[in-house]
Amino acid sequence: MKSEEYVSQQEGAYRVGGTRVSLDSIVYAFLEGQTPETIVQWFPVLSLEEVYGAITYYLAHRAEMDAYLREGELEAERLRERTRRADPAFYQKLASARQRQP
């Protein structure tokens, strides 16, 4: 099988196999040094073959995928900023609670 058969794009997101597991999740775990065997333990809906296929897909399309991941990170930061502005009191309480934790 080709690595393209392990990854599909659905609604603008890359998914592994026929699951809802994002390719992002697999790639970030891989980049953090996790083994495919460990990744399968985290995502038991995936087979070891699918995890290897997803990693192979990432490596074969690295420039495109790195750009996709960066855009996702930027979008997440924009969303966090919008929610902070929408309810600053909540985020102040959250920051205060974090400071009180040991």
PDB file of N, CA and C in Angstrom:
ATOM      1  N   MET A   1       0.836  -1.192   0.000  1.00  0.00           N
ATOM      2  CA  MET A   1       0.000   0.000   0.000  1.00  0.00           C
ATOM      3  C   MET A   1       0.872   1.243   0.000  1.00  0.00           C
ATOM      4  N   LYS A   2       0.393   2.274  -0.642  1.00  0.00           N
ATOM      5  CA  LYS A   2       1.077   3.561  -0.631  1.00  0.00           C
ATOM      6  C   LYS A   2       0.645   4.338   0.607  1.00  0.00           C
ATOM      7  N   SER A   3       1.515   5.231   1.058  1.00  0.00           N
ATOM      8  CA  SER A   3       1.198   6.002   2.263  1.00  0.00           C
ATOM      9  C   SER A   3      -0.070   6.833   2.078  1.00  0.00           C
ATOM     10  N   GLU A   4      -0.376   7.237   0.844  1.00  0.00           N
ATOM     11  CA  GLU A   4      -1.580   8.025   0.570  1.00  0.00           C
ATOM     12  C   GLU A   4      -2.853   7.262   0.929  1.00  0.00           C
ATOM     13  N   GLU A   5      -2.769   5.934   0.938  1.00  0.00           N
ATOM     14  CA  GLU A   5      -3.952   5.140   1.255  1.00  0.00           C
ATOM     15  C   GLU A   5      -4.235   5.105   2.754  1.00  0.00           C
ATOM     16  N   TYR A   6      -3.298   5.564   3.565  1.00  0.00           N
ATOM     17  CA  TYR A   6      -3.478   5.575   5.013  1.00  0.00           C
ATOM     18  C   TYR A   6      -3.986   6.906   5.532  1.00  0.00           C
ATOM     19  N   VAL A   7      -3.963   7.924   4.686  1.00  0.00           N
ATOM     20  CA  VAL A   7      -4.337   9.267   5.111  1.00  0.00           C
ATOM     21  C   VAL A   7      -5.371   9.814   4.137  1.00  0.00           C
ATOM     22  N   SER A   8      -6.393  10.455   4.687  1.00  0.00           N
ATOM     23  CA  SER A   8      -7.384  11.107   3.837  1.00  0.00           C
ATOM     24  C   SER A   8      -7.618  12.510   4.371  1.00  0.00           C
ATOM     25  N   GLN A   9      -8.104  13.362   3.502  1.00  0.00           N
ATOM     26  CA  GLN A   9      -8.433  14.716   3.919  1.00  0.00           C
ATOM     27  C   GLN A   9      -9.951  14.810   3.975  1.00  0.00           C
ATOM     28  N   GLN A  10     -10.456  15.174   5.144  1.00  0.00           N
ATOM     29  CA  GLN A  10     -11.897  15.284   5.357  1.00  0.00           C
ATOM     30  C   GLN A  10     -12.191  16.628   5.999  1.00  0.00           C
ATOM     31  N   GLU A  11     -13.004  17.417   5.332  1.00  0.00           N
ATOM     32  CA  GLU A  11     -13.423  18.720   5.854  1.00  0.00           C
ATOM     33  C   GLU A  11     -12.220  19.578   6.233  1.00  0.00           C
ATOM     34  N   GLY A  12     -11.185  19.542   5.416  1.00  0.00           N
ATOM     35  CA  GLY A  12     -10.014  20.373   5.638  1.00  0.00           C
ATOM     36  C   GLY A  12      -9.001  19.818   6.614  1.00  0.00           C
ATOM     37  N   ALA A  13      -9.291  18.652   7.199  1.00  0.00           N
ATOM     38  CA  ALA A  13      -8.364  18.040   8.161  1.00  0.00           C
ATOM     39  C   ALA A  13      -7.875  16.701   7.615  1.00  0.00           C
ATOM     40  N   TYR A  14      -6.660  16.361   7.967  1.00  0.00           N
ATOM     41  CA  TYR A  14      -6.101  15.074   7.568  1.00  0.00           C
ATOM     42  C   TYR A  14      -6.438  14.042   8.640  1.00  0.00           C
ATOM     43  N   ARG A  15      -6.954  12.890   8.215  1.00  0.00           N
ATOM     44  CA  ARG A  15      -7.345  11.803   9.119  1.00  0.00           C
ATOM     45  C   ARG A  15      -6.586  10.538   8.746  1.00  0.00           C
ATOM     46  N   VAL A  16      -6.406   9.681   9.732  1.00  0.00           N
ATOM     47  CA  VAL A  16      -5.686   8.429   9.516  1.00  0.00           C
ATOM     48  C   VAL A  16      -6.686   7.315   9.301  1.00  0.00           C
ATOM     49  N   GLY A  17      -6.471   6.556   8.214  1.00  0.00           N
ATOM     50  CA  GLY A  17      -7.365   5.450   7.894  1.00  0.00           C
ATOM     51  C   GLY A  17      -8.787   5.943   7.758  1.00  0.00           C
ATOM     52  N   GLY A  18      -9.705   5.123   8.121  1.00  0.00           N
ATOM     53  CA  GLY A  18     -11.111   5.506   8.085  1.00  0.00           C
ATOM     54  C   GLY A  18     -11.575   6.032   9.422  1.00  0.00           C
ATOM     55  N   THR A  19     -10.649   6.539  10.243  1.00  0.00           N
ATOM     56  CA  THR A  19     -10.987   6.982  11.591  1.00  0.00           C
ATOM     57  C   THR A  19     -11.077   8.493  11.666  1.00  0.00           C
ATOM     58  N   ARG A  20     -11.394   8.978  12.844  1.00  0.00           N
ATOM     59  CA  ARG A  20     -11.399  10.419  13.084  1.00  0.00           C
ATOM     60  C   ARG A  20     -10.094  10.874  13.732  1.00  0.00           C
ATOM     61  N   VAL A  21      -9.134   9.966  13.868  1.00  0.00           N
ATOM     62  CA  VAL A  21      -7.839  10.328  14.445  1.00  0.00           C
ATOM     63  C   VAL A  21      -7.120  11.251  13.470  1.00  0.00           C
ATOM     64  N   SER A  22      -6.694  12.397  13.970  1.00  0.00           N
ATOM     65  CA  SER A  22      -6.035  13.360  13.095  1.00  0.00           C
ATOM     66  C   SER A  22      -4.587  12.956  12.831  1.00  0.00           C
ATOM     67  N   LEU A  23      -4.157  13.247  11.630  1.00  0.00           N
ATOM     68  CA  LEU A  23      -2.759  13.026  11.292  1.00  0.00           C
ATOM     69  C   LEU A  23      -1.883  13.887  12.199  1.00  0.00           C
ATOM     70  N   ASP A  24      -2.368  15.057  12.561  1.00  0.00           N
ATOM     71  CA  ASP A  24      -1.636  15.954  13.461  1.00  0.00           C
ATOM     72  C   ASP A  24      -1.223  15.223  14.734  1.00  0.00           C
ATOM     73  N   SER A  25      -2.159  14.487  15.324  1.00  0.00           N
ATOM     74  CA  SER A  25      -1.890  13.776  16.574  1.00  0.00           C
ATOM     75  C   SER A  25      -0.750  12.779  16.413  1.00  0.00           C
ATOM     76  N   ILE A  26      -0.769  12.064  15.314  1.00  0.00           N
ATOM     77  CA  ILE A  26       0.266  11.064  15.057  1.00  0.00           C
ATOM     78  C   ILE A  26       1.605  11.762  14.822  1.00  0.00           C
ATOM     79  N   VAL A  27       1.599  12.807  14.023  1.00  0.00           N
ATOM     80  CA  VAL A  27       2.840  13.507  13.685  1.00  0.00           C
ATOM     81  C   VAL A  27       3.452  14.145  14.926  1.00  0.00           C
ATOM     82  N   TYR A  28       2.644  14.820  15.746  1.00  0.00           N
ATOM     83  CA  TYR A  28       3.206  15.447  16.941  1.00  0.00           C
ATOM     84  C   TYR A  28       3.807  14.394  17.877  1.00  0.00           C
ATOM     85  N   ALA A  29       3.142  13.269  18.044  1.00  0.00           N
ATOM     86  CA  ALA A  29       3.695  12.200  18.882  1.00  0.00           C
ATOM     87  C   ALA A  29       5.008  11.694  18.297  1.00  0.00           C
ATOM     88  N   PHE A  30       5.042  11.494  16.996  1.00  0.00           N
ATOM     89  CA  PHE A  30       6.250  11.032  16.313  1.00  0.00           C
ATOM     90  C   PHE A  30       7.389  12.039  16.496  1.00  0.00           C
ATOM     91  N   LEU A  31       7.097  13.322  16.313  1.00  0.00           N
ATOM     92  CA  LEU A  31       8.117  14.359  16.442  1.00  0.00           C
ATOM     93  C   LEU A  31       8.620  14.499  17.882  1.00  0.00           C
ATOM     94  N   GLU A  32       7.788  14.106  18.842  1.00  0.00           N
ATOM     95  CA  GLU A  32       8.200  14.126  20.252  1.00  0.00           C
ATOM     96  C   GLU A  32       9.022  12.890  20.615  1.00  0.00           C
ATOM     97  N   GLY A  33       9.211  11.992  19.640  1.00  0.00           N
ATOM     98  CA  GLY A  33      10.045  10.822  19.880  1.00  0.00           C
ATOM     99  C   GLY A  33       9.307   9.557  20.255  1.00  0.00           C
ATOM    100  N   GLN A  34       7.977   9.584  20.179  1.00  0.00           N
ATOM    101  CA  GLN A  34       7.204   8.392  20.507  1.00  0.00           C
ATOM    102  C   GLN A  34       7.355   7.347  19.401  1.00  0.00           C
ATOM    103  N   THR A  35       7.371   6.102  19.784  1.00  0.00           N
ATOM    104  CA  THR A  35       7.472   5.025  18.802  1.00  0.00           C
ATOM    105  C   THR A  35       6.083   4.731  18.238  1.00  0.00           C
ATOM    106  N   PRO A  36       6.031   4.149  17.048  1.00  0.00           N
ATOM    107  CA  PRO A  36       4.727   3.756  16.505  1.00  0.00           C
ATOM    108  C   PRO A  36       3.967   2.814  17.447  1.00  0.00           C
ATOM    109  N   GLU A  37       4.687   1.948  18.137  1.00  0.00           N
ATOM    110  CA  GLU A  37       4.030   1.030  19.081  1.00  0.00           C
ATOM    111  C   GLU A  37       3.358   1.796  20.220  1.00  0.00           C
ATOM    112  N   THR A  38       4.013   2.832  20.717  1.00  0.00           N
ATOM    113  CA  THR A  38       3.421   3.657  21.770  1.00  0.00           C
ATOM    114  C   THR A  38       2.231   4.443  21.231  1.00  0.00           C
ATOM    115  N   ILE A  39       2.357   4.955  20.033  1.00  0.00           N
ATOM    116  CA  ILE A  39       1.263   5.715  19.418  1.00  0.00           C
ATOM    117  C   ILE A  39       0.026   4.831  19.271  1.00  0.00           C
ATOM    118  N   VAL A  40       0.215   3.567  18.900  1.00  0.00           N
ATOM    119  CA  VAL A  40      -0.920   2.635  18.789  1.00  0.00           C
ATOM    120  C   VAL A  40      -1.586   2.449  20.152  1.00  0.00           C
ATOM    121  N   GLN A  41      -0.808   2.449  21.208  1.00  0.00           N
ATOM    122  CA  GLN A  41      -1.394   2.324  22.549  1.00  0.00           C
ATOM    123  C   GLN A  41      -2.256   3.544  22.876  1.00  0.00           C
ATOM    124  N   TRP A  42      -1.833   4.706  22.426  1.00  0.00           N
ATOM    125  CA  TRP A  42      -2.610   5.928  22.664  1.00  0.00           C
ATOM    126  C   TRP A  42      -3.864   5.984  21.813  1.00  0.00           C
ATOM    127  N   PHE A  43      -3.791   5.388  20.618  1.00  0.00           N
ATOM    128  CA  PHE A  43      -4.910   5.408  19.671  1.00  0.00           C
ATOM    129  C   PHE A  43      -5.238   3.968  19.272  1.00  0.00           C
ATOM    130  N   PRO A  44      -5.870   3.212  20.156  1.00  0.00           N
ATOM    131  CA  PRO A  44      -6.102   1.790  19.880  1.00  0.00           C
ATOM    132  C   PRO A  44      -7.013   1.517  18.687  1.00  0.00           C
ATOM    133  N   VAL A  45      -7.697   2.523  18.190  1.00  0.00           N
ATOM    134  CA  VAL A  45      -8.521   2.346  17.004  1.00  0.00           C
ATOM    135  C   VAL A  45      -7.648   2.156  15.756  1.00  0.00           C
ATOM    136  N   LEU A  46      -6.362   2.529  15.858  1.00  0.00           N
ATOM    137  CA  LEU A  46      -5.437   2.410  14.735  1.00  0.00           C
ATOM    138  C   LEU A  46      -4.618   1.129  14.837  1.00  0.00           C
ATOM    139  N   SER A  47      -4.279   0.598  13.684  1.00  0.00           N
ATOM    140  CA  SER A  47      -3.358  -0.534  13.650  1.00  0.00           C
ATOM    141  C   SER A  47      -1.932  -0.005  13.556  1.00  0.00           C
ATOM    142  N   LEU A  48      -0.986  -0.848  13.877  1.00  0.00           N
ATOM    143  CA  LEU A  48       0.413  -0.461  13.748  1.00  0.00           C
ATOM    144  C   LEU A  48       0.728  -0.093  12.301  1.00  0.00           C
ATOM    145  N   GLU A  49       0.162  -0.818  11.375  1.00  0.00           N
ATOM    146  CA  GLU A  49       0.362  -0.529   9.952  1.00  0.00           C
ATOM    147  C   GLU A  49      -0.140   0.871   9.604  1.00  0.00           C
ATOM    148  N   GLU A  50      -1.302   1.256  10.135  1.00  0.00           N
ATOM    149  CA  GLU A  50      -1.844   2.589   9.850  1.00  0.00           C
ATOM    150  C   GLU A  50      -0.958   3.686  10.423  1.00  0.00           C
ATOM    151  N   VAL A  51      -0.410   3.452  11.606  1.00  0.00           N
ATOM    152  CA  VAL A  51       0.481   4.448  12.207  1.00  0.00           C
ATOM    153  C   VAL A  51       1.738   4.599  11.366  1.00  0.00           C
ATOM    154  N   TYR A  52       2.335   3.480  10.979  1.00  0.00           N
ATOM    155  CA  TYR A  52       3.511   3.562  10.108  1.00  0.00           C
ATOM    156  C   TYR A  52       3.154   4.233   8.784  1.00  0.00           C
ATOM    157  N   GLY A  53       1.989   3.916   8.237  1.00  0.00           N
ATOM    158  CA  GLY A  53       1.552   4.548   6.990  1.00  0.00           C
ATOM    159  C   GLY A  53       1.385   6.049   7.141  1.00  0.00           C
ATOM    160  N   ALA A  54       0.837   6.479   8.280  1.00  0.00           N
ATOM    161  CA  ALA A  54       0.654   7.911   8.535  1.00  0.00           C
ATOM    162  C   ALA A  54       2.002   8.618   8.664  1.00  0.00           C
ATOM    163  N   ILE A  55       2.935   7.984   9.356  1.00  0.00           N
ATOM    164  CA  ILE A  55       4.268   8.573   9.503  1.00  0.00           C
ATOM    165  C   ILE A  55       4.956   8.642   8.146  1.00  0.00           C
ATOM    166  N   THR A  56       4.818   7.592   7.359  1.00  0.00           N
ATOM    167  CA  THR A  56       5.400   7.581   6.020  1.00  0.00           C
ATOM    168  C   THR A  56       4.803   8.692   5.165  1.00  0.00           C
ATOM    169  N   TYR A  57       3.490   8.872   5.265  1.00  0.00           N
ATOM    170  CA  TYR A  57       2.828   9.946   4.528  1.00  0.00           C
ATOM    171  C   TYR A  57       3.419  11.295   4.934  1.00  0.00           C
ATOM    172  N   TYR A  58       3.548  11.513   6.237  1.00  0.00           N
ATOM    173  CA  TYR A  58       4.119  12.771   6.722  1.00  0.00           C
ATOM    174  C   TYR A  58       5.524  12.986   6.152  1.00  0.00           C
ATOM    175  N   LEU A  59       6.360  11.974   6.236  1.00  0.00           N
ATOM    176  CA  LEU A  59       7.736  12.112   5.761  1.00  0.00           C
ATOM    177  C   LEU A  59       7.803  12.345   4.250  1.00  0.00           C
ATOM    178  N   ALA A  60       6.888  11.747   3.515  1.00  0.00           N
ATOM    179  CA  ALA A  60       6.873  11.905   2.059  1.00  0.00           C
ATOM    180  C   ALA A  60       6.348  13.280   1.639  1.00  0.00           C
ATOM    181  N   HIS A  61       5.605  13.935   2.510  1.00  0.00           N
ATOM    182  CA  HIS A  61       4.995  15.235   2.212  1.00  0.00           C
ATOM    183  C   HIS A  61       5.369  16.260   3.279  1.00  0.00           C
ATOM    184  N   ARG A  62       6.574  16.185   3.761  1.00  0.00           N
ATOM    185  CA  ARG A  62       6.987  16.946   4.943  1.00  0.00           C
ATOM    186  C   ARG A  62       6.799  18.453   4.809  1.00  0.00           C
ATOM    187  N   ALA A  63       7.231  19.049   3.728  1.00  0.00           N
ATOM    188  CA  ALA A  63       7.109  20.508   3.588  1.00  0.00           C
ATOM    189  C   ALA A  63       5.642  20.941   3.626  1.00  0.00           C
ATOM    190  N   GLU A  64       4.813  20.236   2.883  1.00  0.00           N
ATOM    191  CA  GLU A  64       3.378  20.554   2.848  1.00  0.00           C
ATOM    192  C   GLU A  64       2.741  20.346   4.217  1.00  0.00           C
ATOM    193  N   MET A  65       3.083  19.245   4.865  1.00  0.00           N
ATOM    194  CA  MET A  65       2.484  18.930   6.158  1.00  0.00           C
ATOM    195  C   MET A  65       2.974  19.882   7.250  1.00  0.00           C
ATOM    196  N   ASP A  66       4.254  20.261   7.218  1.00  0.00           N
ATOM    197  CA  ASP A  66       4.751  21.214   8.208  1.00  0.00           C
ATOM    198  C   ASP A  66       4.040  22.558   8.066  1.00  0.00           C
ATOM    199  N   ALA A  67       3.785  22.977   6.836  1.00  0.00           N
ATOM    200  CA  ALA A  67       3.042  24.217   6.606  1.00  0.00           C
ATOM    201  C   ALA A  67       1.609  24.078   7.138  1.00  0.00           C
ATOM    202  N   TYR A  68       0.988  22.929   6.905  1.00  0.00           N
ATOM    203  CA  TYR A  68      -0.364  22.653   7.395  1.00  0.00           C
ATOM    204  C   TYR A  68      -0.390  22.697   8.931  1.00  0.00           C
ATOM    205  N   LEU A  69       0.598  22.092   9.567  1.00  0.00           N
ATOM    206  CA  LEU A  69       0.653  22.079  11.026  1.00  0.00           C
ATOM    207  C   LEU A  69       0.868  23.484  11.583  1.00  0.00           C
ATOM    208  N   ARG A  70       1.748  24.266  10.943  1.00  0.00           N
ATOM    209  CA  ARG A  70       1.974  25.645  11.385  1.00  0.00           C
ATOM    210  C   ARG A  70       0.691  26.463  11.284  1.00  0.00           C
ATOM    211  N   GLU A  71      -0.039  26.290  10.186  1.00  0.00           N
ATOM    212  CA  GLU A  71      -1.297  27.022  10.019  1.00  0.00           C
ATOM    213  C   GLU A  71      -2.293  26.618  11.103  1.00  0.00           C
ATOM    214  N   GLY A  72      -2.338  25.341  11.444  1.00  0.00           N
ATOM    215  CA  GLY A  72      -3.212  24.885  12.519  1.00  0.00           C
ATOM    216  C   GLY A  72      -2.848  25.500  13.856  1.00  0.00           C
ATOM    217  N   GLU A  73      -1.557  25.608  14.126  1.00  0.00           N
ATOM    218  CA  GLU A  73      -1.097  26.237  15.366  1.00  0.00           C
ATOM    219  C   GLU A  73      -1.468  27.714  15.396  1.00  0.00           C
ATOM    220  N   LEU A  74      -1.313  28.399  14.268  1.00  0.00           N
ATOM    221  CA  LEU A  74      -1.684  29.810  14.195  1.00  0.00           C
ATOM    222  C   LEU A  74      -3.181  29.998  14.395  1.00  0.00           C
ATOM    223  N   GLU A  75      -3.971  29.143  13.785  1.00  0.00           N
ATOM    224  CA  GLU A  75      -5.427  29.233  13.927  1.00  0.00           C
ATOM    225  C   GLU A  75      -5.841  28.972  15.371  1.00  0.00           C
ATOM    226  N   ALA A  76      -5.211  28.013  16.027  1.00  0.00           N
ATOM    227  CA  ALA A  76      -5.510  27.735  17.435  1.00  0.00           C
ATOM    228  C   ALA A  76      -5.173  28.943  18.300  1.00  0.00           C
ATOM    229  N   GLU A  77      -4.061  29.597  18.022  1.00  0.00           N
ATOM    230  CA  GLU A  77      -3.678  30.788  18.793  1.00  0.00           C
ATOM    231  C   GLU A  77      -4.665  31.926  18.536  1.00  0.00           C
ATOM    232  N   ARG A  78      -5.112  32.099  17.300  1.00  0.00           N
ATOM    233  CA  ARG A  78      -6.108  33.137  17.003  1.00  0.00           C
ATOM    234  C   ARG A  78      -7.405  32.858  17.763  1.00  0.00           C
ATOM    235  N   LEU A  79      -7.815  31.608  17.820  1.00  0.00           N
ATOM    236  CA  LEU A  79      -9.030  31.232  18.542  1.00  0.00           C
ATOM    237  C   LEU A  79      -8.871  31.489  20.039  1.00  0.00           C
ATOM    238  N   ARG A  80      -7.712  31.112  20.606  1.00  0.00           N
ATOM    239  CA  ARG A  80      -7.467  31.382  22.024  1.00  0.00           C
ATOM    240  C   ARG A  80      -7.542  32.889  22.309  1.00  0.00           C
ATOM    241  N   GLU A  81      -6.958  33.683  21.439  1.00  0.00           N
ATOM    242  CA  GLU A  81      -6.957  35.128  21.645  1.00  0.00           C
ATOM    243  C   GLU A  81      -8.380  35.696  21.572  1.00  0.00           C
ATOM    244  N   ARG A  82      -9.173  35.212  20.622  1.00  0.00           N
ATOM    245  CA  ARG A  82     -10.568  35.678  20.520  1.00  0.00           C
ATOM    246  C   ARG A  82     -11.345  35.338  21.778  1.00  0.00           C
ATOM    247  N   THR A  83     -11.153  34.120  22.299  1.00  0.00           N
ATOM    248  CA  THR A  83     -11.896  33.739  23.504  1.00  0.00           C
ATOM    249  C   THR A  83     -11.407  34.516  24.724  1.00  0.00           C
ATOM    250  N   ARG A  84     -10.116  34.819  24.773  1.00  0.00           N
ATOM    251  CA  ARG A  84      -9.590  35.640  25.883  1.00  0.00           C
ATOM    252  C   ARG A  84     -10.231  37.025  25.866  1.00  0.00           C
ATOM    253  N   ARG A  85     -10.348  37.603  24.674  1.00  0.00           N
ATOM    254  CA  ARG A  85     -10.952  38.944  24.569  1.00  0.00           C
ATOM    255  C   ARG A  85     -12.443  38.905  24.861  1.00  0.00           C
ATOM    256  N   ALA A  86     -13.101  37.806  24.517  1.00  0.00           N
ATOM    257  CA  ALA A  86     -14.545  37.703  24.715  1.00  0.00           C
ATOM    258  C   ALA A  86     -14.908  37.583  26.197  1.00  0.00           C
ATOM    259  N   ASP A  87     -14.033  36.968  27.003  1.00  0.00           N
ATOM    260  CA  ASP A  87     -14.332  36.769  28.422  1.00  0.00           C
ATOM    261  C   ASP A  87     -13.066  36.924  29.259  1.00  0.00           C
ATOM    262  N   PRO A  88     -12.540  38.142  29.356  1.00  0.00           N
ATOM    263  CA  PRO A  88     -11.277  38.344  30.075  1.00  0.00           C
ATOM    264  C   PRO A  88     -11.360  37.989  31.559  1.00  0.00           C
ATOM    265  N   ALA A  89     -12.514  38.165  32.170  1.00  0.00           N
ATOM    266  CA  ALA A  89     -12.654  37.848  33.598  1.00  0.00           C
ATOM    267  C   ALA A  89     -12.433  36.354  33.841  1.00  0.00           C
ATOM    268  N   PHE A  90     -12.966  35.523  32.981  1.00  0.00           N
ATOM    269  CA  PHE A  90     -12.775  34.076  33.117  1.00  0.00           C
ATOM    270  C   PHE A  90     -11.292  33.725  33.046  1.00  0.00           C
ATOM    271  N   TYR A  91     -10.594  34.289  32.091  1.00  0.00           N
ATOM    272  CA  TYR A  91      -9.172  33.966  31.931  1.00  0.00           C
ATOM    273  C   TYR A  91      -8.339  34.521  33.078  1.00  0.00           C
ATOM    274  N   GLN A  92      -8.774  35.624  33.685  1.00  0.00           N
ATOM    275  CA  GLN A  92      -8.084  36.143  34.868  1.00  0.00           C
ATOM    276  C   GLN A  92      -8.268  35.183  36.042  1.00  0.00           C
ATOM    277  N   LYS A  93      -9.494  34.662  36.208  1.00  0.00           N
ATOM    278  CA  LYS A  93      -9.745  33.679  37.273  1.00  0.00           C
ATOM    279  C   LYS A  93      -8.921  32.414  37.042  1.00  0.00           C
ATOM    280  N   LEU A  94      -8.846  31.984  35.793  1.00  0.00           N
ATOM    281  CA  LEU A  94      -8.069  30.795  35.451  1.00  0.00           C
ATOM    282  C   LEU A  94      -6.585  31.003  35.771  1.00  0.00           C
ATOM    283  N   ALA A  95      -6.050  32.151  35.428  1.00  0.00           N
ATOM    284  CA  ALA A  95      -4.641  32.456  35.710  1.00  0.00           C
ATOM    285  C   ALA A  95      -4.404  32.500  37.218  1.00  0.00           C
ATOM    286  N   SER A  96      -5.327  33.080  37.971  1.00  0.00           N
ATOM    287  CA  SER A  96      -5.200  33.142  39.428  1.00  0.00           C
ATOM    288  C   SER A  96      -5.226  31.749  40.029  1.00  0.00           C
ATOM    289  N   ALA A  97      -6.108  30.896  39.550  1.00  0.00           N
ATOM    290  CA  ALA A  97      -6.194  29.516  40.048  1.00  0.00           C
ATOM    291  C   ALA A  97      -4.911  28.751  39.771  1.00  0.00           C
ATOM    292  N   ARG A  98      -4.315  28.964  38.606  1.00  0.00           N
ATOM    293  CA  ARG A  98      -3.053  28.289  38.266  1.00  0.00           C
ATOM    294  C   ARG A  98      -1.930  28.738  39.188  1.00  0.00           C
ATOM    295  N   GLN A  99      -1.916  30.002  39.550  1.00  0.00           N
ATOM    296  CA  GLN A  99      -0.868  30.512  40.426  1.00  0.00           C
ATOM    297  C   GLN A  99      -0.990  29.952  41.839  1.00  0.00           C
ATOM    298  N   ARG A 100      -2.201  29.620  42.263  1.00  0.00           N
ATOM    299  CA  ARG A 100      -2.417  29.078  43.611  1.00  0.00           C
ATOM    300  C   ARG A 100      -2.056  27.608  43.712  1.00  0.00           C
ATOM    301  N   GLN A 101      -1.952  26.917  42.584  1.00  0.00           N
ATOM    302  CA  GLN A 101      -1.620  25.489  42.624  1.00  0.00           C
ATOM    303  C   GLN A 101      -0.166  25.302  43.049  1.00  0.00           C
ATOM    304  N   PRO A 102       0.085  24.239  43.847  1.00  0.00           N
ATOM    305  CA  PRO A 102       1.469  23.979  44.307  1.00  0.00           C
ATOM    306  C   PRO A 102       2.386  23.535  43.198  1.00  0.00           C
TER     307      PRO A 102
END
